[in-house]
C-alpha atoms as a PDB file:
ATOM      1  CA  UNK A   1      -5.150  -9.053 -30.324  1.00  0.00           C
ATOM      2  CA  UNK A   2      -4.551  -6.464 -27.713  1.00  0.00           C
ATOM      3  CA  UNK A   3      -7.358  -5.520 -25.610  1.00  0.00           C
ATOM      4  CA  UNK A   4      -8.699  -1.882 -26.190  1.00  0.00           C
ATOM      5  CA  UNK A   5      -7.355   0.667 -23.976  1.00  0.00           C
ATOM      6  CA  UNK A   6     -10.389   2.065 -21.999  1.00  0.00           C
ATOM      7  CA  UNK A   7      -8.636   5.498 -21.643  1.00  0.00           C
ATOM      8  CA  UNK A   8      -7.845   5.793 -25.510  1.00  0.00           C
ATOM      9  CA  UNK A   9      -8.700   9.047 -27.002  1.00  0.00           C
ATOM     10  CA  UNK A  10      -9.465  10.739 -23.527  1.00  0.00           C
ATOM     11  CA  UNK A  11      -8.212  14.026 -22.821  1.00  0.00           C
ATOM     12  CA  UNK A  12      -7.020  15.014 -19.450  1.00  0.00           C
ATOM     13  CA  UNK A  13     -10.285  16.088 -18.041  1.00  0.00           C
ATOM     14  CA  UNK A  14     -12.162  13.037 -19.370  1.00  0.00           C
ATOM     15  CA  UNK A  15      -9.379  10.848 -17.898  1.00  0.00           C
ATOM     16  CA  UNK A  16      -9.992  12.341 -14.513  1.00  0.00           C
ATOM     17  CA  UNK A  17     -13.725  11.904 -14.803  1.00  0.00           C
ATOM     18  CA  UNK A  18     -13.127   8.197 -15.877  1.00  0.00           C
ATOM     19  CA  UNK A  19     -11.300   7.511 -12.544  1.00  0.00           C
ATOM     20  CA  UNK A  20     -13.853   9.619 -10.458  1.00  0.00           C
ATOM     21  CA  UNK A  21     -16.590   7.184 -11.604  1.00  0.00           C
ATOM     22  CA  UNK A  22     -14.919   4.500  -9.596  1.00  0.00           C
ATOM     23  CA  UNK A  23     -16.164   6.299  -6.360  1.00  0.00           C
ATOM     24  CA  UNK A  24     -19.741   5.101  -5.235  1.00  0.00           C
ATOM     25  CA  UNK A  25     -19.923   6.946  -1.938  1.00  0.00           C
ATOM     26  CA  UNK A  26     -17.980   9.445   0.155  1.00  0.00           C
ATOM     27  CA  UNK A  27     -17.839   9.713   3.932  1.00  0.00           C
ATOM     28  CA  UNK A  28     -16.063  12.160   6.229  1.00  0.00           C
ATOM     29  CA  UNK A  29     -15.084  11.501   9.676  1.00  0.00           C
ATOM     30  CA  UNK A  30     -14.283  14.897  11.271  1.00  0.00           C
ATOM     31  CA  UNK A  31     -12.277  14.234  14.163  1.00  0.00           C
ATOM     32  CA  UNK A  32     -10.339  17.450  14.176  1.00  0.00           C
ATOM     33  CA  UNK A  33     -11.157  19.483  17.174  1.00  0.00           C
ATOM     34  CA  UNK A  34      -8.309  21.952  16.879  1.00  0.00           C
ATOM     35  CA  UNK A  35      -5.505  22.680  14.414  1.00  0.00           C
ATOM     36  CA  UNK A  36      -2.163  24.229  14.614  1.00  0.00           C
ATOM     37  CA  UNK A  37      -2.001  27.721  13.259  1.00  0.00           C
ATOM     38  CA  UNK A  38       0.543  28.550  10.693  1.00  0.00           C
ATOM     39  CA  UNK A  39       1.008  24.928  10.008  1.00  0.00           C
ATOM     40  CA  UNK A  40       0.042  23.514   6.683  1.00  0.00           C
ATOM     41  CA  UNK A  41      -2.038  20.476   6.266  1.00  0.00           C
ATOM     42  CA  UNK A  42      -0.186  17.127   5.539  1.00  0.00           C
ATOM     43  CA  UNK A  43      -2.413  14.952   3.151  1.00  0.00           C
ATOM     44  CA  UNK A  44      -1.902  11.285   3.249  1.00  0.00           C
ATOM     45  CA  UNK A  45      -3.627   8.735   1.182  1.00  0.00           C
ATOM     46  CA  UNK A  46      -4.194   4.746   1.174  1.00  0.00           C
ATOM     47  CA  UNK A  47      -5.838   2.412  -1.020  1.00  0.00           C
ATOM     48  CA  UNK A  48      -7.271  -0.660   0.638  1.00  0.00           C
ATOM     49  CA  UNK A  49      -9.850  -3.277   0.945  1.00  0.00           C
ATOM     50  CA  UNK A  50     -11.397  -4.936   4.117  1.00  0.00           C
ATOM     51  CA  UNK A  51      -8.333  -7.323   4.455  1.00  0.00           C
ATOM     52  CA  UNK A  52      -6.100  -4.226   4.974  1.00  0.00           C
ATOM     53  CA  UNK A  53      -8.163  -1.865   6.992  1.00  0.00           C
ATOM     54  CA  UNK A  54      -6.781  -3.254  10.190  1.00  0.00           C
ATOM     55  CA  UNK A  55      -3.272  -2.620   9.354  1.00  0.00           C
ATOM     56  CA  UNK A  56      -4.096   0.842   7.882  1.00  0.00           C
ATOM     57  CA  UNK A  57      -5.541   1.722  11.213  1.00  0.00           C
ATOM     58  CA  UNK A  58      -2.306   0.870  12.848  1.00  0.00           C
ATOM     59  CA  UNK A  59      -0.340   3.003  10.298  1.00  0.00           C
ATOM     60  CA  UNK A  60      -2.505   5.846  10.762  1.00  0.00           C
ATOM     61  CA  UNK A  61      -2.141   5.667  14.608  1.00  0.00           C
ATOM     62  CA  UNK A  62       1.583   5.369  14.256  1.00  0.00           C
ATOM     63  CA  UNK A  63       1.749   8.639  12.059  1.00  0.00           C
ATOM     64  CA  UNK A  64      -0.604  10.515  14.584  1.00  0.00           C
ATOM     65  CA  UNK A  65       1.390   9.231  17.569  1.00  0.00           C
ATOM     66  CA  UNK A  66       4.616  10.429  16.213  1.00  0.00           C
ATOM     67  CA  UNK A  67       3.394  13.737  14.791  1.00  0.00           C
ATOM     68  CA  UNK A  68       1.193  15.250  17.301  1.00  0.00           C
ATOM     69  CA  UNK A  69       1.931  18.830  16.302  1.00  0.00           C
ATOM     70  CA  UNK A  70       1.105  18.499  12.686  1.00  0.00           C
ATOM     71  CA  UNK A  71      -2.343  18.956  10.877  1.00  0.00           C
ATOM     72  CA  UNK A  72      -2.960  15.584   9.468  1.00  0.00           C
ATOM     73  CA  UNK A  73      -5.563  14.777   6.813  1.00  0.00           C
ATOM     74  CA  UNK A  74      -6.122  11.139   5.636  1.00  0.00           C
ATOM     75  CA  UNK A  75      -7.704  10.199   2.416  1.00  0.00           C
ATOM     76  CA  UNK A  76      -8.672   6.427   2.331  1.00  0.00           C
ATOM     77  CA  UNK A  77      -9.959   4.743  -1.000  1.00  0.00           C
ATOM     78  CA  UNK A  78     -11.579   1.614   0.014  1.00  0.00           C
ATOM     79  CA  UNK A  79     -13.720  -1.250  -1.345  1.00  0.00           C
ATOM     80  CA  UNK A  80     -15.907  -3.397   0.615  1.00  0.00           C
ATOM     81  CA  UNK A  81     -15.424  -2.010   3.975  1.00  0.00           C
ATOM     82  CA  UNK A  82     -17.864  -3.375   6.868  1.00  0.00           C
ATOM     83  CA  UNK A  83     -19.907  -1.330   8.925  1.00  0.00           C
ATOM     84  CA  UNK A  84     -17.778  -2.083  11.847  1.00  0.00           C
ATOM     85  CA  UNK A  85     -14.472  -0.836  10.068  1.00  0.00           C
ATOM     86  CA  UNK A  86     -16.257   2.459   9.318  1.00  0.00           C
ATOM     87  CA  UNK A  87     -17.338   2.801  12.867  1.00  0.00           C
ATOM     88  CA  UNK A  88     -13.675   2.061  13.963  1.00  0.00           C
ATOM     89  CA  UNK A  89     -12.351   4.663  11.450  1.00  0.00           C
ATOM     90  CA  UNK A  90     -14.672   7.231  12.953  1.00  0.00           C
ATOM     91  CA  UNK A  91     -13.160   6.451  16.304  1.00  0.00           C
ATOM     92  CA  UNK A  92      -9.759   6.688  15.155  1.00  0.00           C
ATOM     93  CA  UNK A  93     -10.301  10.090  13.669  1.00  0.00           C
ATOM     94  CA  UNK A  94     -11.712  11.352  17.012  1.00  0.00           C
ATOM     95  CA  UNK A  95      -9.070   9.660  19.136  1.00  0.00           C
ATOM     96  CA  UNK A  96      -6.318  11.402  17.169  1.00  0.00           C
ATOM     97  CA  UNK A  97      -7.873  14.789  16.424  1.00  0.00           C
ATOM     98  CA  UNK A  98      -7.761  14.326  12.533  1.00  0.00           C
ATOM     99  CA  UNK A  99     -10.031  14.170   9.664  1.00  0.00           C
ATOM    100  CA  UNK A 100     -10.495  10.995   7.660  1.00  0.00           C
ATOM    101  CA  UNK A 101     -11.993  11.104   4.149  1.00  0.00           C
ATOM    102  CA  UNK A 102     -13.342   7.708   3.029  1.00  0.00           C
ATOM    103  CA  UNK A 103     -14.113   6.967  -0.683  1.00  0.00           C
ATOM    104  CA  UNK A 104     -15.956   3.921  -1.331  1.00  0.00           C
ATOM    105  CA  UNK A 105     -14.619   2.526  -4.644  1.00  0.00           C
ATOM    106  CA  UNK A 106     -16.320  -0.053  -6.988  1.00  0.00           C
ATOM    107  CA  UNK A 107     -13.874  -2.147  -9.080  1.00  0.00           C
ATOM    108  CA  UNK A 108     -15.574  -1.847 -12.359  1.00  0.00           C
ATOM    109  CA  UNK A 109     -12.973   0.791 -13.434  1.00  0.00           C
ATOM    110  CA  UNK A 110     -10.165  -1.718 -12.677  1.00  0.00           C
ATOM    111  CA  UNK A 111     -11.738  -5.081 -13.749  1.00  0.00           C
ATOM    112  CA  UNK A 112      -9.605  -5.536 -16.876  1.00  0.00           C
ATOM    113  CA  UNK A 113      -6.325  -4.931 -14.825  1.00  0.00           C
ATOM    114  CA  UNK A 114      -4.197  -7.752 -13.686  1.00  0.00           C
ATOM    115  CA  UNK A 115      -4.541  -8.849 -10.029  1.00  0.00           C
ATOM    116  CA  UNK A 116      -2.887 -11.541  -7.811  1.00  0.00           C
ATOM    117  CA  UNK A 117      -3.298 -12.961  -4.324  1.00  0.00           C
ATOM    118  CA  UNK A 118      -1.086 -10.390  -2.847  1.00  0.00           C
ATOM    119  CA  UNK A 119      -1.969  -7.728  -5.495  1.00  0.00           C
ATOM    120  CA  UNK A 120      -5.672  -7.064  -5.297  1.00  0.00           C
ATOM    121  CA  UNK A 121      -7.534  -4.336  -7.286  1.00  0.00           C
ATOM    122  CA  UNK A 122      -7.009  -1.780  -4.319  1.00  0.00           C
ATOM    123  CA  UNK A 123      -3.232  -1.368  -5.536  1.00  0.00           C
ATOM    124  CA  UNK A 124      -4.516   0.792  -8.255  1.00  0.00           C
ATOM    125  CA  UNK A 125      -6.715   3.181  -6.185  1.00  0.00           C
ATOM    126  CA  UNK A 126      -3.624   5.459  -5.650  1.00  0.00           C
ATOM    127  CA  UNK A 127      -4.228   6.523  -9.351  1.00  0.00           C
ATOM    128  CA  UNK A 128      -7.501   8.199  -8.400  1.00  0.00           C
ATOM    129  CA  UNK A 129      -5.891  10.531  -5.810  1.00  0.00           C
ATOM    130  CA  UNK A 130      -4.508  13.058  -8.165  1.00  0.00           C
ATOM    131  CA  UNK A 131      -8.009  13.038 -10.004  1.00  0.00           C
ATOM    132  CA  UNK A 132     -10.007  14.038  -6.871  1.00  0.00           C
ATOM    133  CA  UNK A 133      -7.685  16.242  -4.766  1.00  0.00           C
ATOM    134  CA  UNK A 134      -6.885  19.847  -5.391  1.00  0.00           C
ATOM    135  CA  UNK A 135      -4.035  20.056  -2.721  1.00  0.00           C
ATOM    136  CA  UNK A 136      -0.448  20.436  -4.115  1.00  0.00           C
ATOM    137  CA  UNK A 137       0.935  17.130  -2.912  1.00  0.00           C
ATOM    138  CA  UNK A 138      -0.397  13.856  -1.464  1.00  0.00           C
ATOM    139  CA  UNK A 139       1.785  11.304   0.438  1.00  0.00           C
ATOM    140  CA  UNK A 140       0.637   8.109  -0.601  1.00  0.00           C
ATOM    141  CA  UNK A 141       1.443   5.171   1.756  1.00  0.00           C
ATOM    142  CA  UNK A 142       0.924   1.371   1.552  1.00  0.00           C
ATOM    143  CA  UNK A 143      -1.216   0.204   4.297  1.00  0.00           C
ATOM    144  CA  UNK A 144       1.583  -1.988   5.784  1.00  0.00           C
ATOM    145  CA  UNK A 145       3.970   0.843   6.560  1.00  0.00           C
ATOM    146  CA  UNK A 146       4.466   1.998  10.262  1.00  0.00           C
ATOM    147  CA  UNK A 147       5.723   5.456  11.048  1.00  0.00           C
ATOM    148  CA  UNK A 148       8.444   5.594  13.627  1.00  0.00           C
ATOM    149  CA  UNK A 149       9.269   9.389  13.487  1.00  0.00           C
ATOM    150  CA  UNK A 150       8.354  12.774  12.298  1.00  0.00           C
ATOM    151  CA  UNK A 151       7.320  13.246   8.697  1.00  0.00           C
ATOM    152  CA  UNK A 152       6.553  16.896   8.411  1.00  0.00           C
ATOM    153  CA  UNK A 153       9.869  17.664   6.459  1.00  0.00           C
ATOM    154  CA  UNK A 154       8.782  15.323   3.596  1.00  0.00           C
ATOM    155  CA  UNK A 155       5.891  17.242   2.032  1.00  0.00           C
ATOM    156  CA  UNK A 156       8.316  20.287   1.700  1.00  0.00           C
ATOM    157  CA  UNK A 157      10.897  18.506  -0.077  1.00  0.00           C
ATOM    158  CA  UNK A 158      12.169  20.196  -3.289  1.00  0.00           C
ATOM    159  CA  UNK A 159      10.748  17.925  -5.875  1.00  0.00           C
ATOM    160  CA  UNK A 160      12.895  19.723  -8.772  1.00  0.00           C
ATOM    161  CA  UNK A 161       9.927  19.472 -11.221  1.00  0.00           C
ATOM    162  CA  UNK A 162       9.668  15.843 -10.904  1.00  0.00           C
ATOM    163  CA  UNK A 163       6.239  14.221 -10.695  1.00  0.00           C
ATOM    164  CA  UNK A 164       7.029  11.927  -7.641  1.00  0.00           C
ATOM    165  CA  UNK A 165       9.530  11.611  -4.819  1.00  0.00           C
ATOM    166  CA  UNK A 166      10.152   7.778  -3.935  1.00  0.00           C
ATOM    167  CA  UNK A 167      12.805   5.507  -2.469  1.00  0.00           C
ATOM    168  CA  UNK A 168      14.943   3.025  -4.382  1.00  0.00           C
ATOM    169  CA  UNK A 169      13.789  -0.634  -3.951  1.00  0.00           C
ATOM    170  CA  UNK A 170      16.106  -3.435  -2.617  1.00  0.00           C
ATOM    171  CA  UNK A 171      18.824  -3.849  -4.996  1.00  0.00           C
ATOM    172  CA  UNK A 172      18.488  -7.535  -5.397  1.00  0.00           C
ATOM    173  CA  UNK A 173      14.930  -6.828  -6.754  1.00  0.00           C
ATOM    174  CA  UNK A 174      15.504  -3.643  -8.569  1.00  0.00           C
ATOM    175  CA  UNK A 175      18.157  -4.932 -10.963  1.00  0.00           C
ATOM    176  CA  UNK A 176      15.939  -7.771 -12.112  1.00  0.00           C
ATOM    177  CA  UNK A 177      12.922  -5.578 -12.585  1.00  0.00           C
ATOM    178  CA  UNK A 178      14.818  -3.040 -14.619  1.00  0.00           C
ATOM    179  CA  UNK A 179      16.194  -5.818 -16.798  1.00  0.00           C
ATOM    180  CA  UNK A 180      12.763  -7.434 -17.405  1.00  0.00           C
ATOM    181  CA  UNK A 181      11.124  -4.096 -17.965  1.00  0.00           C
ATOM    182  CA  UNK A 182      13.843  -2.943 -20.291  1.00  0.00           C
ATOM    183  CA  UNK A 183      14.732   0.142 -18.211  1.00  0.00           C
ATOM    184  CA  UNK A 184      18.096   1.641 -18.698  1.00  0.00           C
ATOM    185  CA  UNK A 185      19.805   4.425 -16.598  1.00  0.00           C
ATOM    186  CA  UNK A 186      16.844   4.060 -14.184  1.00  0.00           C
ATOM    187  CA  UNK A 187      16.762   3.526 -10.374  1.00  0.00           C
ATOM    188  CA  UNK A 188      13.995   1.180  -9.777  1.00  0.00           C
ATOM    189  CA  UNK A 189      11.847   2.587  -6.901  1.00  0.00           C
ATOM    190  CA  UNK A 190       9.462   1.067  -4.438  1.00  0.00           C
ATOM    191  CA  UNK A 191       5.847   2.507  -4.743  1.00  0.00           C
ATOM    192  CA  UNK A 192       4.814   1.957  -1.269  1.00  0.00           C
ATOM    193  CA  UNK A 193       5.713   5.512  -0.483  1.00  0.00           C
ATOM    194  CA  UNK A 194       4.962   8.181  -3.083  1.00  0.00           C
ATOM    195  CA  UNK A 195       5.135  11.763  -2.488  1.00  0.00           C
ATOM    196  CA  UNK A 196       2.879  12.934  -5.455  1.00  0.00           C
ATOM    197  CA  UNK A 197       2.938  16.438  -7.225  1.00  0.00           C
ATOM    198  CA  UNK A 198      -0.478  16.387  -8.195  1.00  0.00           C
ATOM    199  CA  UNK A 199      -0.352  18.958 -10.834  1.00  0.00           C
ATOM    200  CA  UNK A 200       2.734  17.348 -12.361  1.00  0.00           C
ATOM    201  CA  UNK A 201       1.075  14.043 -12.187  1.00  0.00           C
ATOM    202  CA  UNK A 202      -1.910  15.110 -13.943  1.00  0.00           C
ATOM    203  CA  UNK A 203       0.033  17.139 -16.727  1.00  0.00           C
ATOM    204  CA  UNK A 204       2.172  14.105 -17.556  1.00  0.00           C
ATOM    205  CA  UNK A 205      -0.948  11.893 -17.807  1.00  0.00           C
ATOM    206  CA  UNK A 206       0.466   9.282 -15.466  1.00  0.00           C
ATOM    207  CA  UNK A 207      -2.810   7.389 -14.602  1.00  0.00           C
ATOM    208  CA  UNK A 208      -3.803   7.402 -18.093  1.00  0.00           C
ATOM    209  CA  UNK A 209      -0.594   5.964 -19.437  1.00  0.00           C
ATOM    210  CA  UNK A 210      -0.197   3.462 -16.537  1.00  0.00           C
ATOM    211  CA  UNK A 211      -3.771   2.160 -16.914  1.00  0.00           C
ATOM    212  CA  UNK A 212      -3.241   1.748 -20.657  1.00  0.00           C
ATOM    213  CA  UNK A 213       0.040  -0.147 -20.394  1.00  0.00           C
ATOM    214  CA  UNK A 214      -1.521  -2.471 -17.753  1.00  0.00           C
ATOM    215  CA  UNK A 215      -4.345  -3.437 -20.058  1.00  0.00           C
ATOM    216  CA  UNK A 216      -2.123  -3.922 -23.149  1.00  0.00           C
ATOM    217  CA  UNK A 217       0.662  -6.174 -21.465  1.00  0.00           C
ATOM    218  CA  UNK A 218      -0.736  -7.407 -18.164  1.00  0.00           C
ATOM    219  CA  UNK A 219       1.555 -10.377 -17.971  1.00  0.00           C
ATOM    220  CA  UNK A 220       4.763  -8.122 -18.288  1.00  0.00           C
ATOM    221  CA  UNK A 221       4.168  -6.516 -14.781  1.00  0.00           C
ATOM    222  CA  UNK A 222       4.916  -9.076 -11.884  1.00  0.00           C
ATOM    223  CA  UNK A 223       4.447  -6.140  -9.493  1.00  0.00           C
ATOM    224  CA  UNK A 224       1.675  -4.474 -11.470  1.00  0.00           C
ATOM    225  CA  UNK A 225       1.307  -0.895  -9.935  1.00  0.00           C
ATOM    226  CA  UNK A 226       4.908  -0.662  -8.986  1.00  0.00           C
ATOM    227  CA  UNK A 227       6.417  -1.970 -12.359  1.00  0.00           C
ATOM    228  CA  UNK A 228       4.041   0.328 -14.533  1.00  0.00           C
ATOM    229  CA  UNK A 229       4.742   3.334 -12.400  1.00  0.00           C
ATOM    230  CA  UNK A 230       8.680   2.780 -12.944  1.00  0.00           C
ATOM    231  CA  UNK A 231       7.974   2.566 -16.649  1.00  0.00           C
ATOM    232  CA  UNK A 232       5.775   5.834 -16.960  1.00  0.00           C
ATOM    233  CA  UNK A 233       7.869   7.860 -14.436  1.00  0.00           C
ATOM    234  CA  UNK A 234      11.346   7.086 -15.704  1.00  0.00           C
ATOM    235  CA  UNK A 235      13.186  10.322 -15.592  1.00  0.00           C
ATOM    236  CA  UNK A 236      10.544  11.986 -13.504  1.00  0.00           C
ATOM    237  CA  UNK A 237      11.568  10.823  -9.915  1.00  0.00           C
ATOM    238  CA  UNK A 238      13.124  12.613  -6.942  1.00  0.00           C
ATOM    239  CA  UNK A 239      15.004   9.926  -4.944  1.00  0.00           C
ATOM    240  CA  UNK A 240      14.663  10.057  -1.032  1.00  0.00           C
ATOM    241  CA  UNK A 241      16.821   8.396   1.442  1.00  0.00           C
ATOM    242  CA  UNK A 242      15.908   4.910   2.514  1.00  0.00           C
ATOM    243  CA  UNK A 243      14.945   6.053   5.992  1.00  0.00           C
ATOM    244  CA  UNK A 244      11.588   7.155   4.157  1.00  0.00           C
ATOM    245  CA  UNK A 245      10.543   3.576   2.911  1.00  0.00           C
ATOM    246  CA  UNK A 246      12.717   1.106   4.801  1.00  0.00           C
ATOM    247  CA  UNK A 247      11.901  -2.493   3.626  1.00  0.00           C
ATOM    248  CA  UNK A 248      11.809  -4.912   6.536  1.00  0.00           C
ATOM    249  CA  UNK A 249      14.426  -7.616   6.315  1.00  0.00           C
ATOM    250  CA  UNK A 250      15.747 -10.112   8.699  1.00  0.00           C
ATOM    251  CA  UNK A 251      18.940  -8.089   9.601  1.00  0.00           C
ATOM    252  CA  UNK A 252      17.031  -4.776  10.201  1.00  0.00           C
ATOM    253  CA  UNK A 253      18.200  -2.654  13.148  1.00  0.00           C
ATOM    254  CA  UNK A 254      17.018   0.770  14.553  1.00  0.00           C
ATOM    255  CA  UNK A 255      19.131   3.134  12.206  1.00  0.00           C
ATOM    256  CA  UNK A 256      16.961   6.283  11.875  1.00  0.00           C
ATOM    257  CA  UNK A 257      14.006   4.656  10.100  1.00  0.00           C
ATOM    258  CA  UNK A 258      11.094   6.973   9.655  1.00  0.00           C
ATOM    259  CA  UNK A 259       8.635   4.849   7.631  1.00  0.00           C
ATOM    260  CA  UNK A 260       9.174   1.160   8.149  1.00  0.00           C
ATOM    261  CA  UNK A 261       7.597  -0.876   5.136  1.00  0.00           C
ATOM    262  CA  UNK A 262       6.401  -4.634   6.211  1.00  0.00           C
ATOM    263  CA  UNK A 263       6.530  -5.407   2.487  1.00  0.00           C
ATOM    264  CA  UNK A 264       7.270  -9.034   2.770  1.00  0.00           C
ATOM    265  CA  UNK A 265       5.335 -12.001   4.091  1.00  0.00           C
ATOM    266  CA  UNK A 266       4.336 -12.919   6.677  1.00  0.00           C
ATOM    267  CA  UNK A 267       3.009  -9.676   7.950  1.00  0.00           C
ATOM    268  CA  UNK A 268       3.316  -8.748  11.624  1.00  0.00           C
ATOM    269  CA  UNK A 269      -0.401  -9.252  12.239  1.00  0.00           C
ATOM    270  CA  UNK A 270      -0.158 -12.789  10.927  1.00  0.00           C
ATOM    271  CA  UNK A 271       0.053 -15.888  13.286  1.00  0.00           C
ATOM    272  CA  UNK A 272       3.217 -16.687  11.402  1.00  0.00           C
ATOM    273  CA  UNK A 273       5.101 -13.355  12.407  1.00  0.00           C
ATOM    274  CA  UNK A 274       6.660 -14.539  15.500  1.00  0.00           C
ATOM    275  CA  UNK A 275       8.165 -17.531  13.887  1.00  0.00           C
ATOM    276  CA  UNK A 276       9.409 -15.905  10.903  1.00  0.00           C
ATOM    277  CA  UNK A 277      13.143 -14.891  10.170  1.00  0.00           C
ATOM    278  CA  UNK A 278      11.718 -11.293   9.541  1.00  0.00           C
ATOM    279  CA  UNK A 279      10.801 -10.949  13.154  1.00  0.00           C
ATOM    280  CA  UNK A 280      13.752  -9.954  15.251  1.00  0.00           C
ATOM    281  CA  UNK A 281      14.405  -8.236  18.407  1.00  0.00           C
ATOM    282  CA  UNK A 282      13.921  -4.652  16.920  1.00  0.00           C
ATOM    283  CA  UNK A 283      10.903  -5.320  14.663  1.00  0.00           C
ATOM    284  CA  UNK A 284       9.049  -7.974  16.968  1.00  0.00           C
ATOM    285  CA  UNK A 285       6.516  -5.651  18.678  1.00  0.00           C
ATOM    286  CA  UNK A 286       6.582  -2.492  16.479  1.00  0.00           C
ATOM    287  CA  UNK A 287       3.318  -3.222  14.799  1.00  0.00           C
ATOM    288  CA  UNK A 288       1.475  -4.459  17.730  1.00  0.00           C
ATOM    289  CA  UNK A 289       2.499  -1.195  19.638  1.00  0.00           C
ATOM    290  CA  UNK A 290       0.550   0.947  17.273  1.00  0.00           C
ATOM    291  CA  UNK A 291      -2.261  -1.415  16.694  1.00  0.00           C
ATOM    292  CA  UNK A 292      -2.877  -1.410  20.334  1.00  0.00           C
ATOM    293  CA  UNK A 293      -3.212   2.469  20.022  1.00  0.00           C
ATOM    294  CA  UNK A 294      -6.032   2.120  17.493  1.00  0.00           C
ATOM    295  CA  UNK A 295      -9.620   0.789  17.720  1.00  0.00           C
ATOM    296  CA  UNK A 296      -8.250  -2.594  16.393  1.00  0.00           C
ATOM    297  CA  UNK A 297      -6.374  -3.306  19.568  1.00  0.00           C
ATOM    298  CA  UNK A 298      -6.509  -6.822  20.879  1.00  0.00           C
ATOM    299  CA  UNK A 299      -7.298  -8.147  17.398  1.00  0.00           C
ATOM    300  CA  UNK A 300      -6.413 -11.839  16.901  1.00  0.00           C
ATOM    301  CA  UNK A 301      -3.528 -12.687  14.482  1.00  0.00           C
ATOM    302  CA  UNK A 302      -4.606 -13.832  11.061  1.00  0.00           C
ATOM    303  CA  UNK A 303      -4.379 -17.284   9.678  1.00  0.00           C
ATOM    304  CA  UNK A 304      -2.671 -18.017   6.450  1.00  0.00           C
ATOM    305  CA  UNK A 305      -4.896 -16.843   3.538  1.00  0.00           C
ATOM    306  CA  UNK A 306      -3.684 -18.838   0.706  1.00  0.00           C
ATOM    307  CA  UNK A 307      -1.630 -21.897  -0.105  1.00  0.00           C
ATOM    308  CA  UNK A 308       1.808 -20.356  -0.251  1.00  0.00           C
ATOM    309  CA  UNK A 309       1.218 -18.746   3.153  1.00  0.00           C
ATOM    310  CA  UNK A 310      -0.033 -22.044   4.569  1.00  0.00           C
ATOM    311  CA  UNK A 311       3.317 -23.665   3.261  1.00  0.00           C
ATOM    312  CA  UNK A 312       5.501 -21.024   4.790  1.00  0.00           C
ATOM    313  CA  UNK A 313       3.697 -21.308   8.089  1.00  0.00           C
ATOM    314  CA  UNK A 314       4.115 -25.137   8.109  1.00  0.00           C
ATOM    315  CA  UNK A 315       7.576 -24.831   7.452  1.00  0.00           C
ATOM    316  CA  UNK A 316       8.167 -22.330  10.306  1.00  0.00           C
ATOM    317  CA  UNK A 317       6.409 -24.688  12.701  1.00  0.00           C
ATOM    318  CA  UNK A 318       8.294 -27.642  11.588  1.00  0.00           C
ATOM    319  CA  UNK A 319      11.542 -25.898  11.986  1.00  0.00           C
ATOM    320  CA  UNK A 320      10.613 -24.815  15.523  1.00  0.00           C
ATOM    321  CA  UNK A 321       9.876 -28.508  16.313  1.00  0.00           C
ATOM    322  CA  UNK A 322       6.182 -28.164  16.373  1.00  0.00           C
ATOM    323  CA  UNK A 323       5.551 -31.218  14.371  1.00  0.00           C
ATOM    324  CA  UNK A 324       1.671 -31.821  15.091  1.00  0.00           C
ATOM    325  CA  UNK A 325       0.827 -28.421  14.095  1.00  0.00           C
ATOM    326  CA  UNK A 326       3.397 -28.217  11.280  1.00  0.00           C
ATOM    327  CA  UNK A 327       2.006 -31.332   9.677  1.00  0.00           C
ATOM    328  CA  UNK A 328      -1.464 -30.075  10.073  1.00  0.00           C
ATOM    329  CA  UNK A 329      -0.882 -26.930   8.156  1.00  0.00           C
ATOM    330  CA  UNK A 330       1.311 -28.629   5.656  1.00  0.00           C
ATOM    331  CA  UNK A 331      -1.793 -30.928   4.792  1.00  0.00           C
ATOM    332  CA  UNK A 332      -3.970 -27.848   4.474  1.00  0.00           C
ATOM    333  CA  UNK A 333      -1.423 -26.254   2.215  1.00  0.00           C
ATOM    334  CA  UNK A 334      -1.555 -29.369  -0.070  1.00  0.00           C
ATOM    335  CA  UNK A 335      -5.292 -29.763  -0.098  1.00  0.00           C
ATOM    336  CA  UNK A 336      -5.639 -25.897  -0.685  1.00  0.00           C
ATOM    337  CA  UNK A 337      -2.983 -25.846  -3.600  1.00  0.00           C
ATOM    338  CA  UNK A 338      -4.693 -28.769  -5.463  1.00  0.00           C
ATOM    339  CA  UNK A 339      -8.066 -27.109  -4.920  1.00  0.00           C
ATOM    340  CA  UNK A 340      -6.650 -23.797  -6.270  1.00  0.00           C
ATOM    341  CA  UNK A 341      -4.892 -25.355  -9.207  1.00  0.00           C
ATOM    342  CA  UNK A 342      -8.011 -27.401 -10.056  1.00  0.00           C
ATOM    343  CA  UNK A 343     -10.247 -24.314 -10.091  1.00  0.00           C
ATOM    344  CA  UNK A 344      -7.732 -22.411 -12.276  1.00  0.00           C
ATOM    345  CA  UNK A 345      -7.551 -25.299 -14.733  1.00  0.00           C
ATOM    346  CA  UNK A 346     -11.344 -25.253 -15.092  1.00  0.00           C
ATOM    347  CA  UNK A 347     -11.455 -21.512 -15.454  1.00  0.00           C
ATOM    348  CA  UNK A 348     -13.445 -21.033 -12.200  1.00  0.00           C
END
């Protein structure tokens, strides 16, 4: 028996109210001391939890650094942010002359949706943005994206009546996902960068349809938010050049990238980054450059968070000839994997 769709029977207004109920608190950090006349605001949104606030800080710093003559407004939908993180966001707003709106999210609205180790509930927060904002467009970004250039031309792109503008994903992944999802004559896009036409999004009930599909067929969507948006938005996408969402790969070079997406693991704030094939002469210090412009500067690299990351780090160490440390992390990988599988088997 399929689970009941929590948005079943809701009209457009009621669906918006349903999503707005996910917001428990609202804070505004008003760092803007002046604005540039005759320049429209660029609204940028993120969906995070405490684990991703650090890299989002670097992302915001990179946008501000490379777009100093734009009026930037940030909207952060977040769950579980610590007091220290909120203090740093306030400092970030003041350091870069921007306003940062922070919406504290509870996860009750999303508790029936599929989550995974690398896909927490925060991946669904982007669905809330069109329900709470009255601006024409919002540029949604994953928190692991670093800006390397000017973005002011993106919000003014001709959407041609489409709901979103997005970038095609890597072909090796895109073809597989299209086949599994049964999508024909569709170019599978990466959802890490979405320019959203808010009125069109709401008129097409995108959030309502996406949440319903996720509840009805949770196992179908390997990349939950991304897969379901590709299904719902088929035929409603304006495609952008890859410079607007360039996925980090081992062979990456500097070729006019504007938004660099560290989508793969390990992440550049991880202890495993420097030993990864993804880290090359071009990408090695990009993330740290912008993190050091933020209140999170001098933060220590993070250790592996789950058994898959532990295994990868152990393999990197062993490949580099660091056998003592490599075997230590391989042992932690085996113990953590066994514990994880045992807990899953017991329903814990």
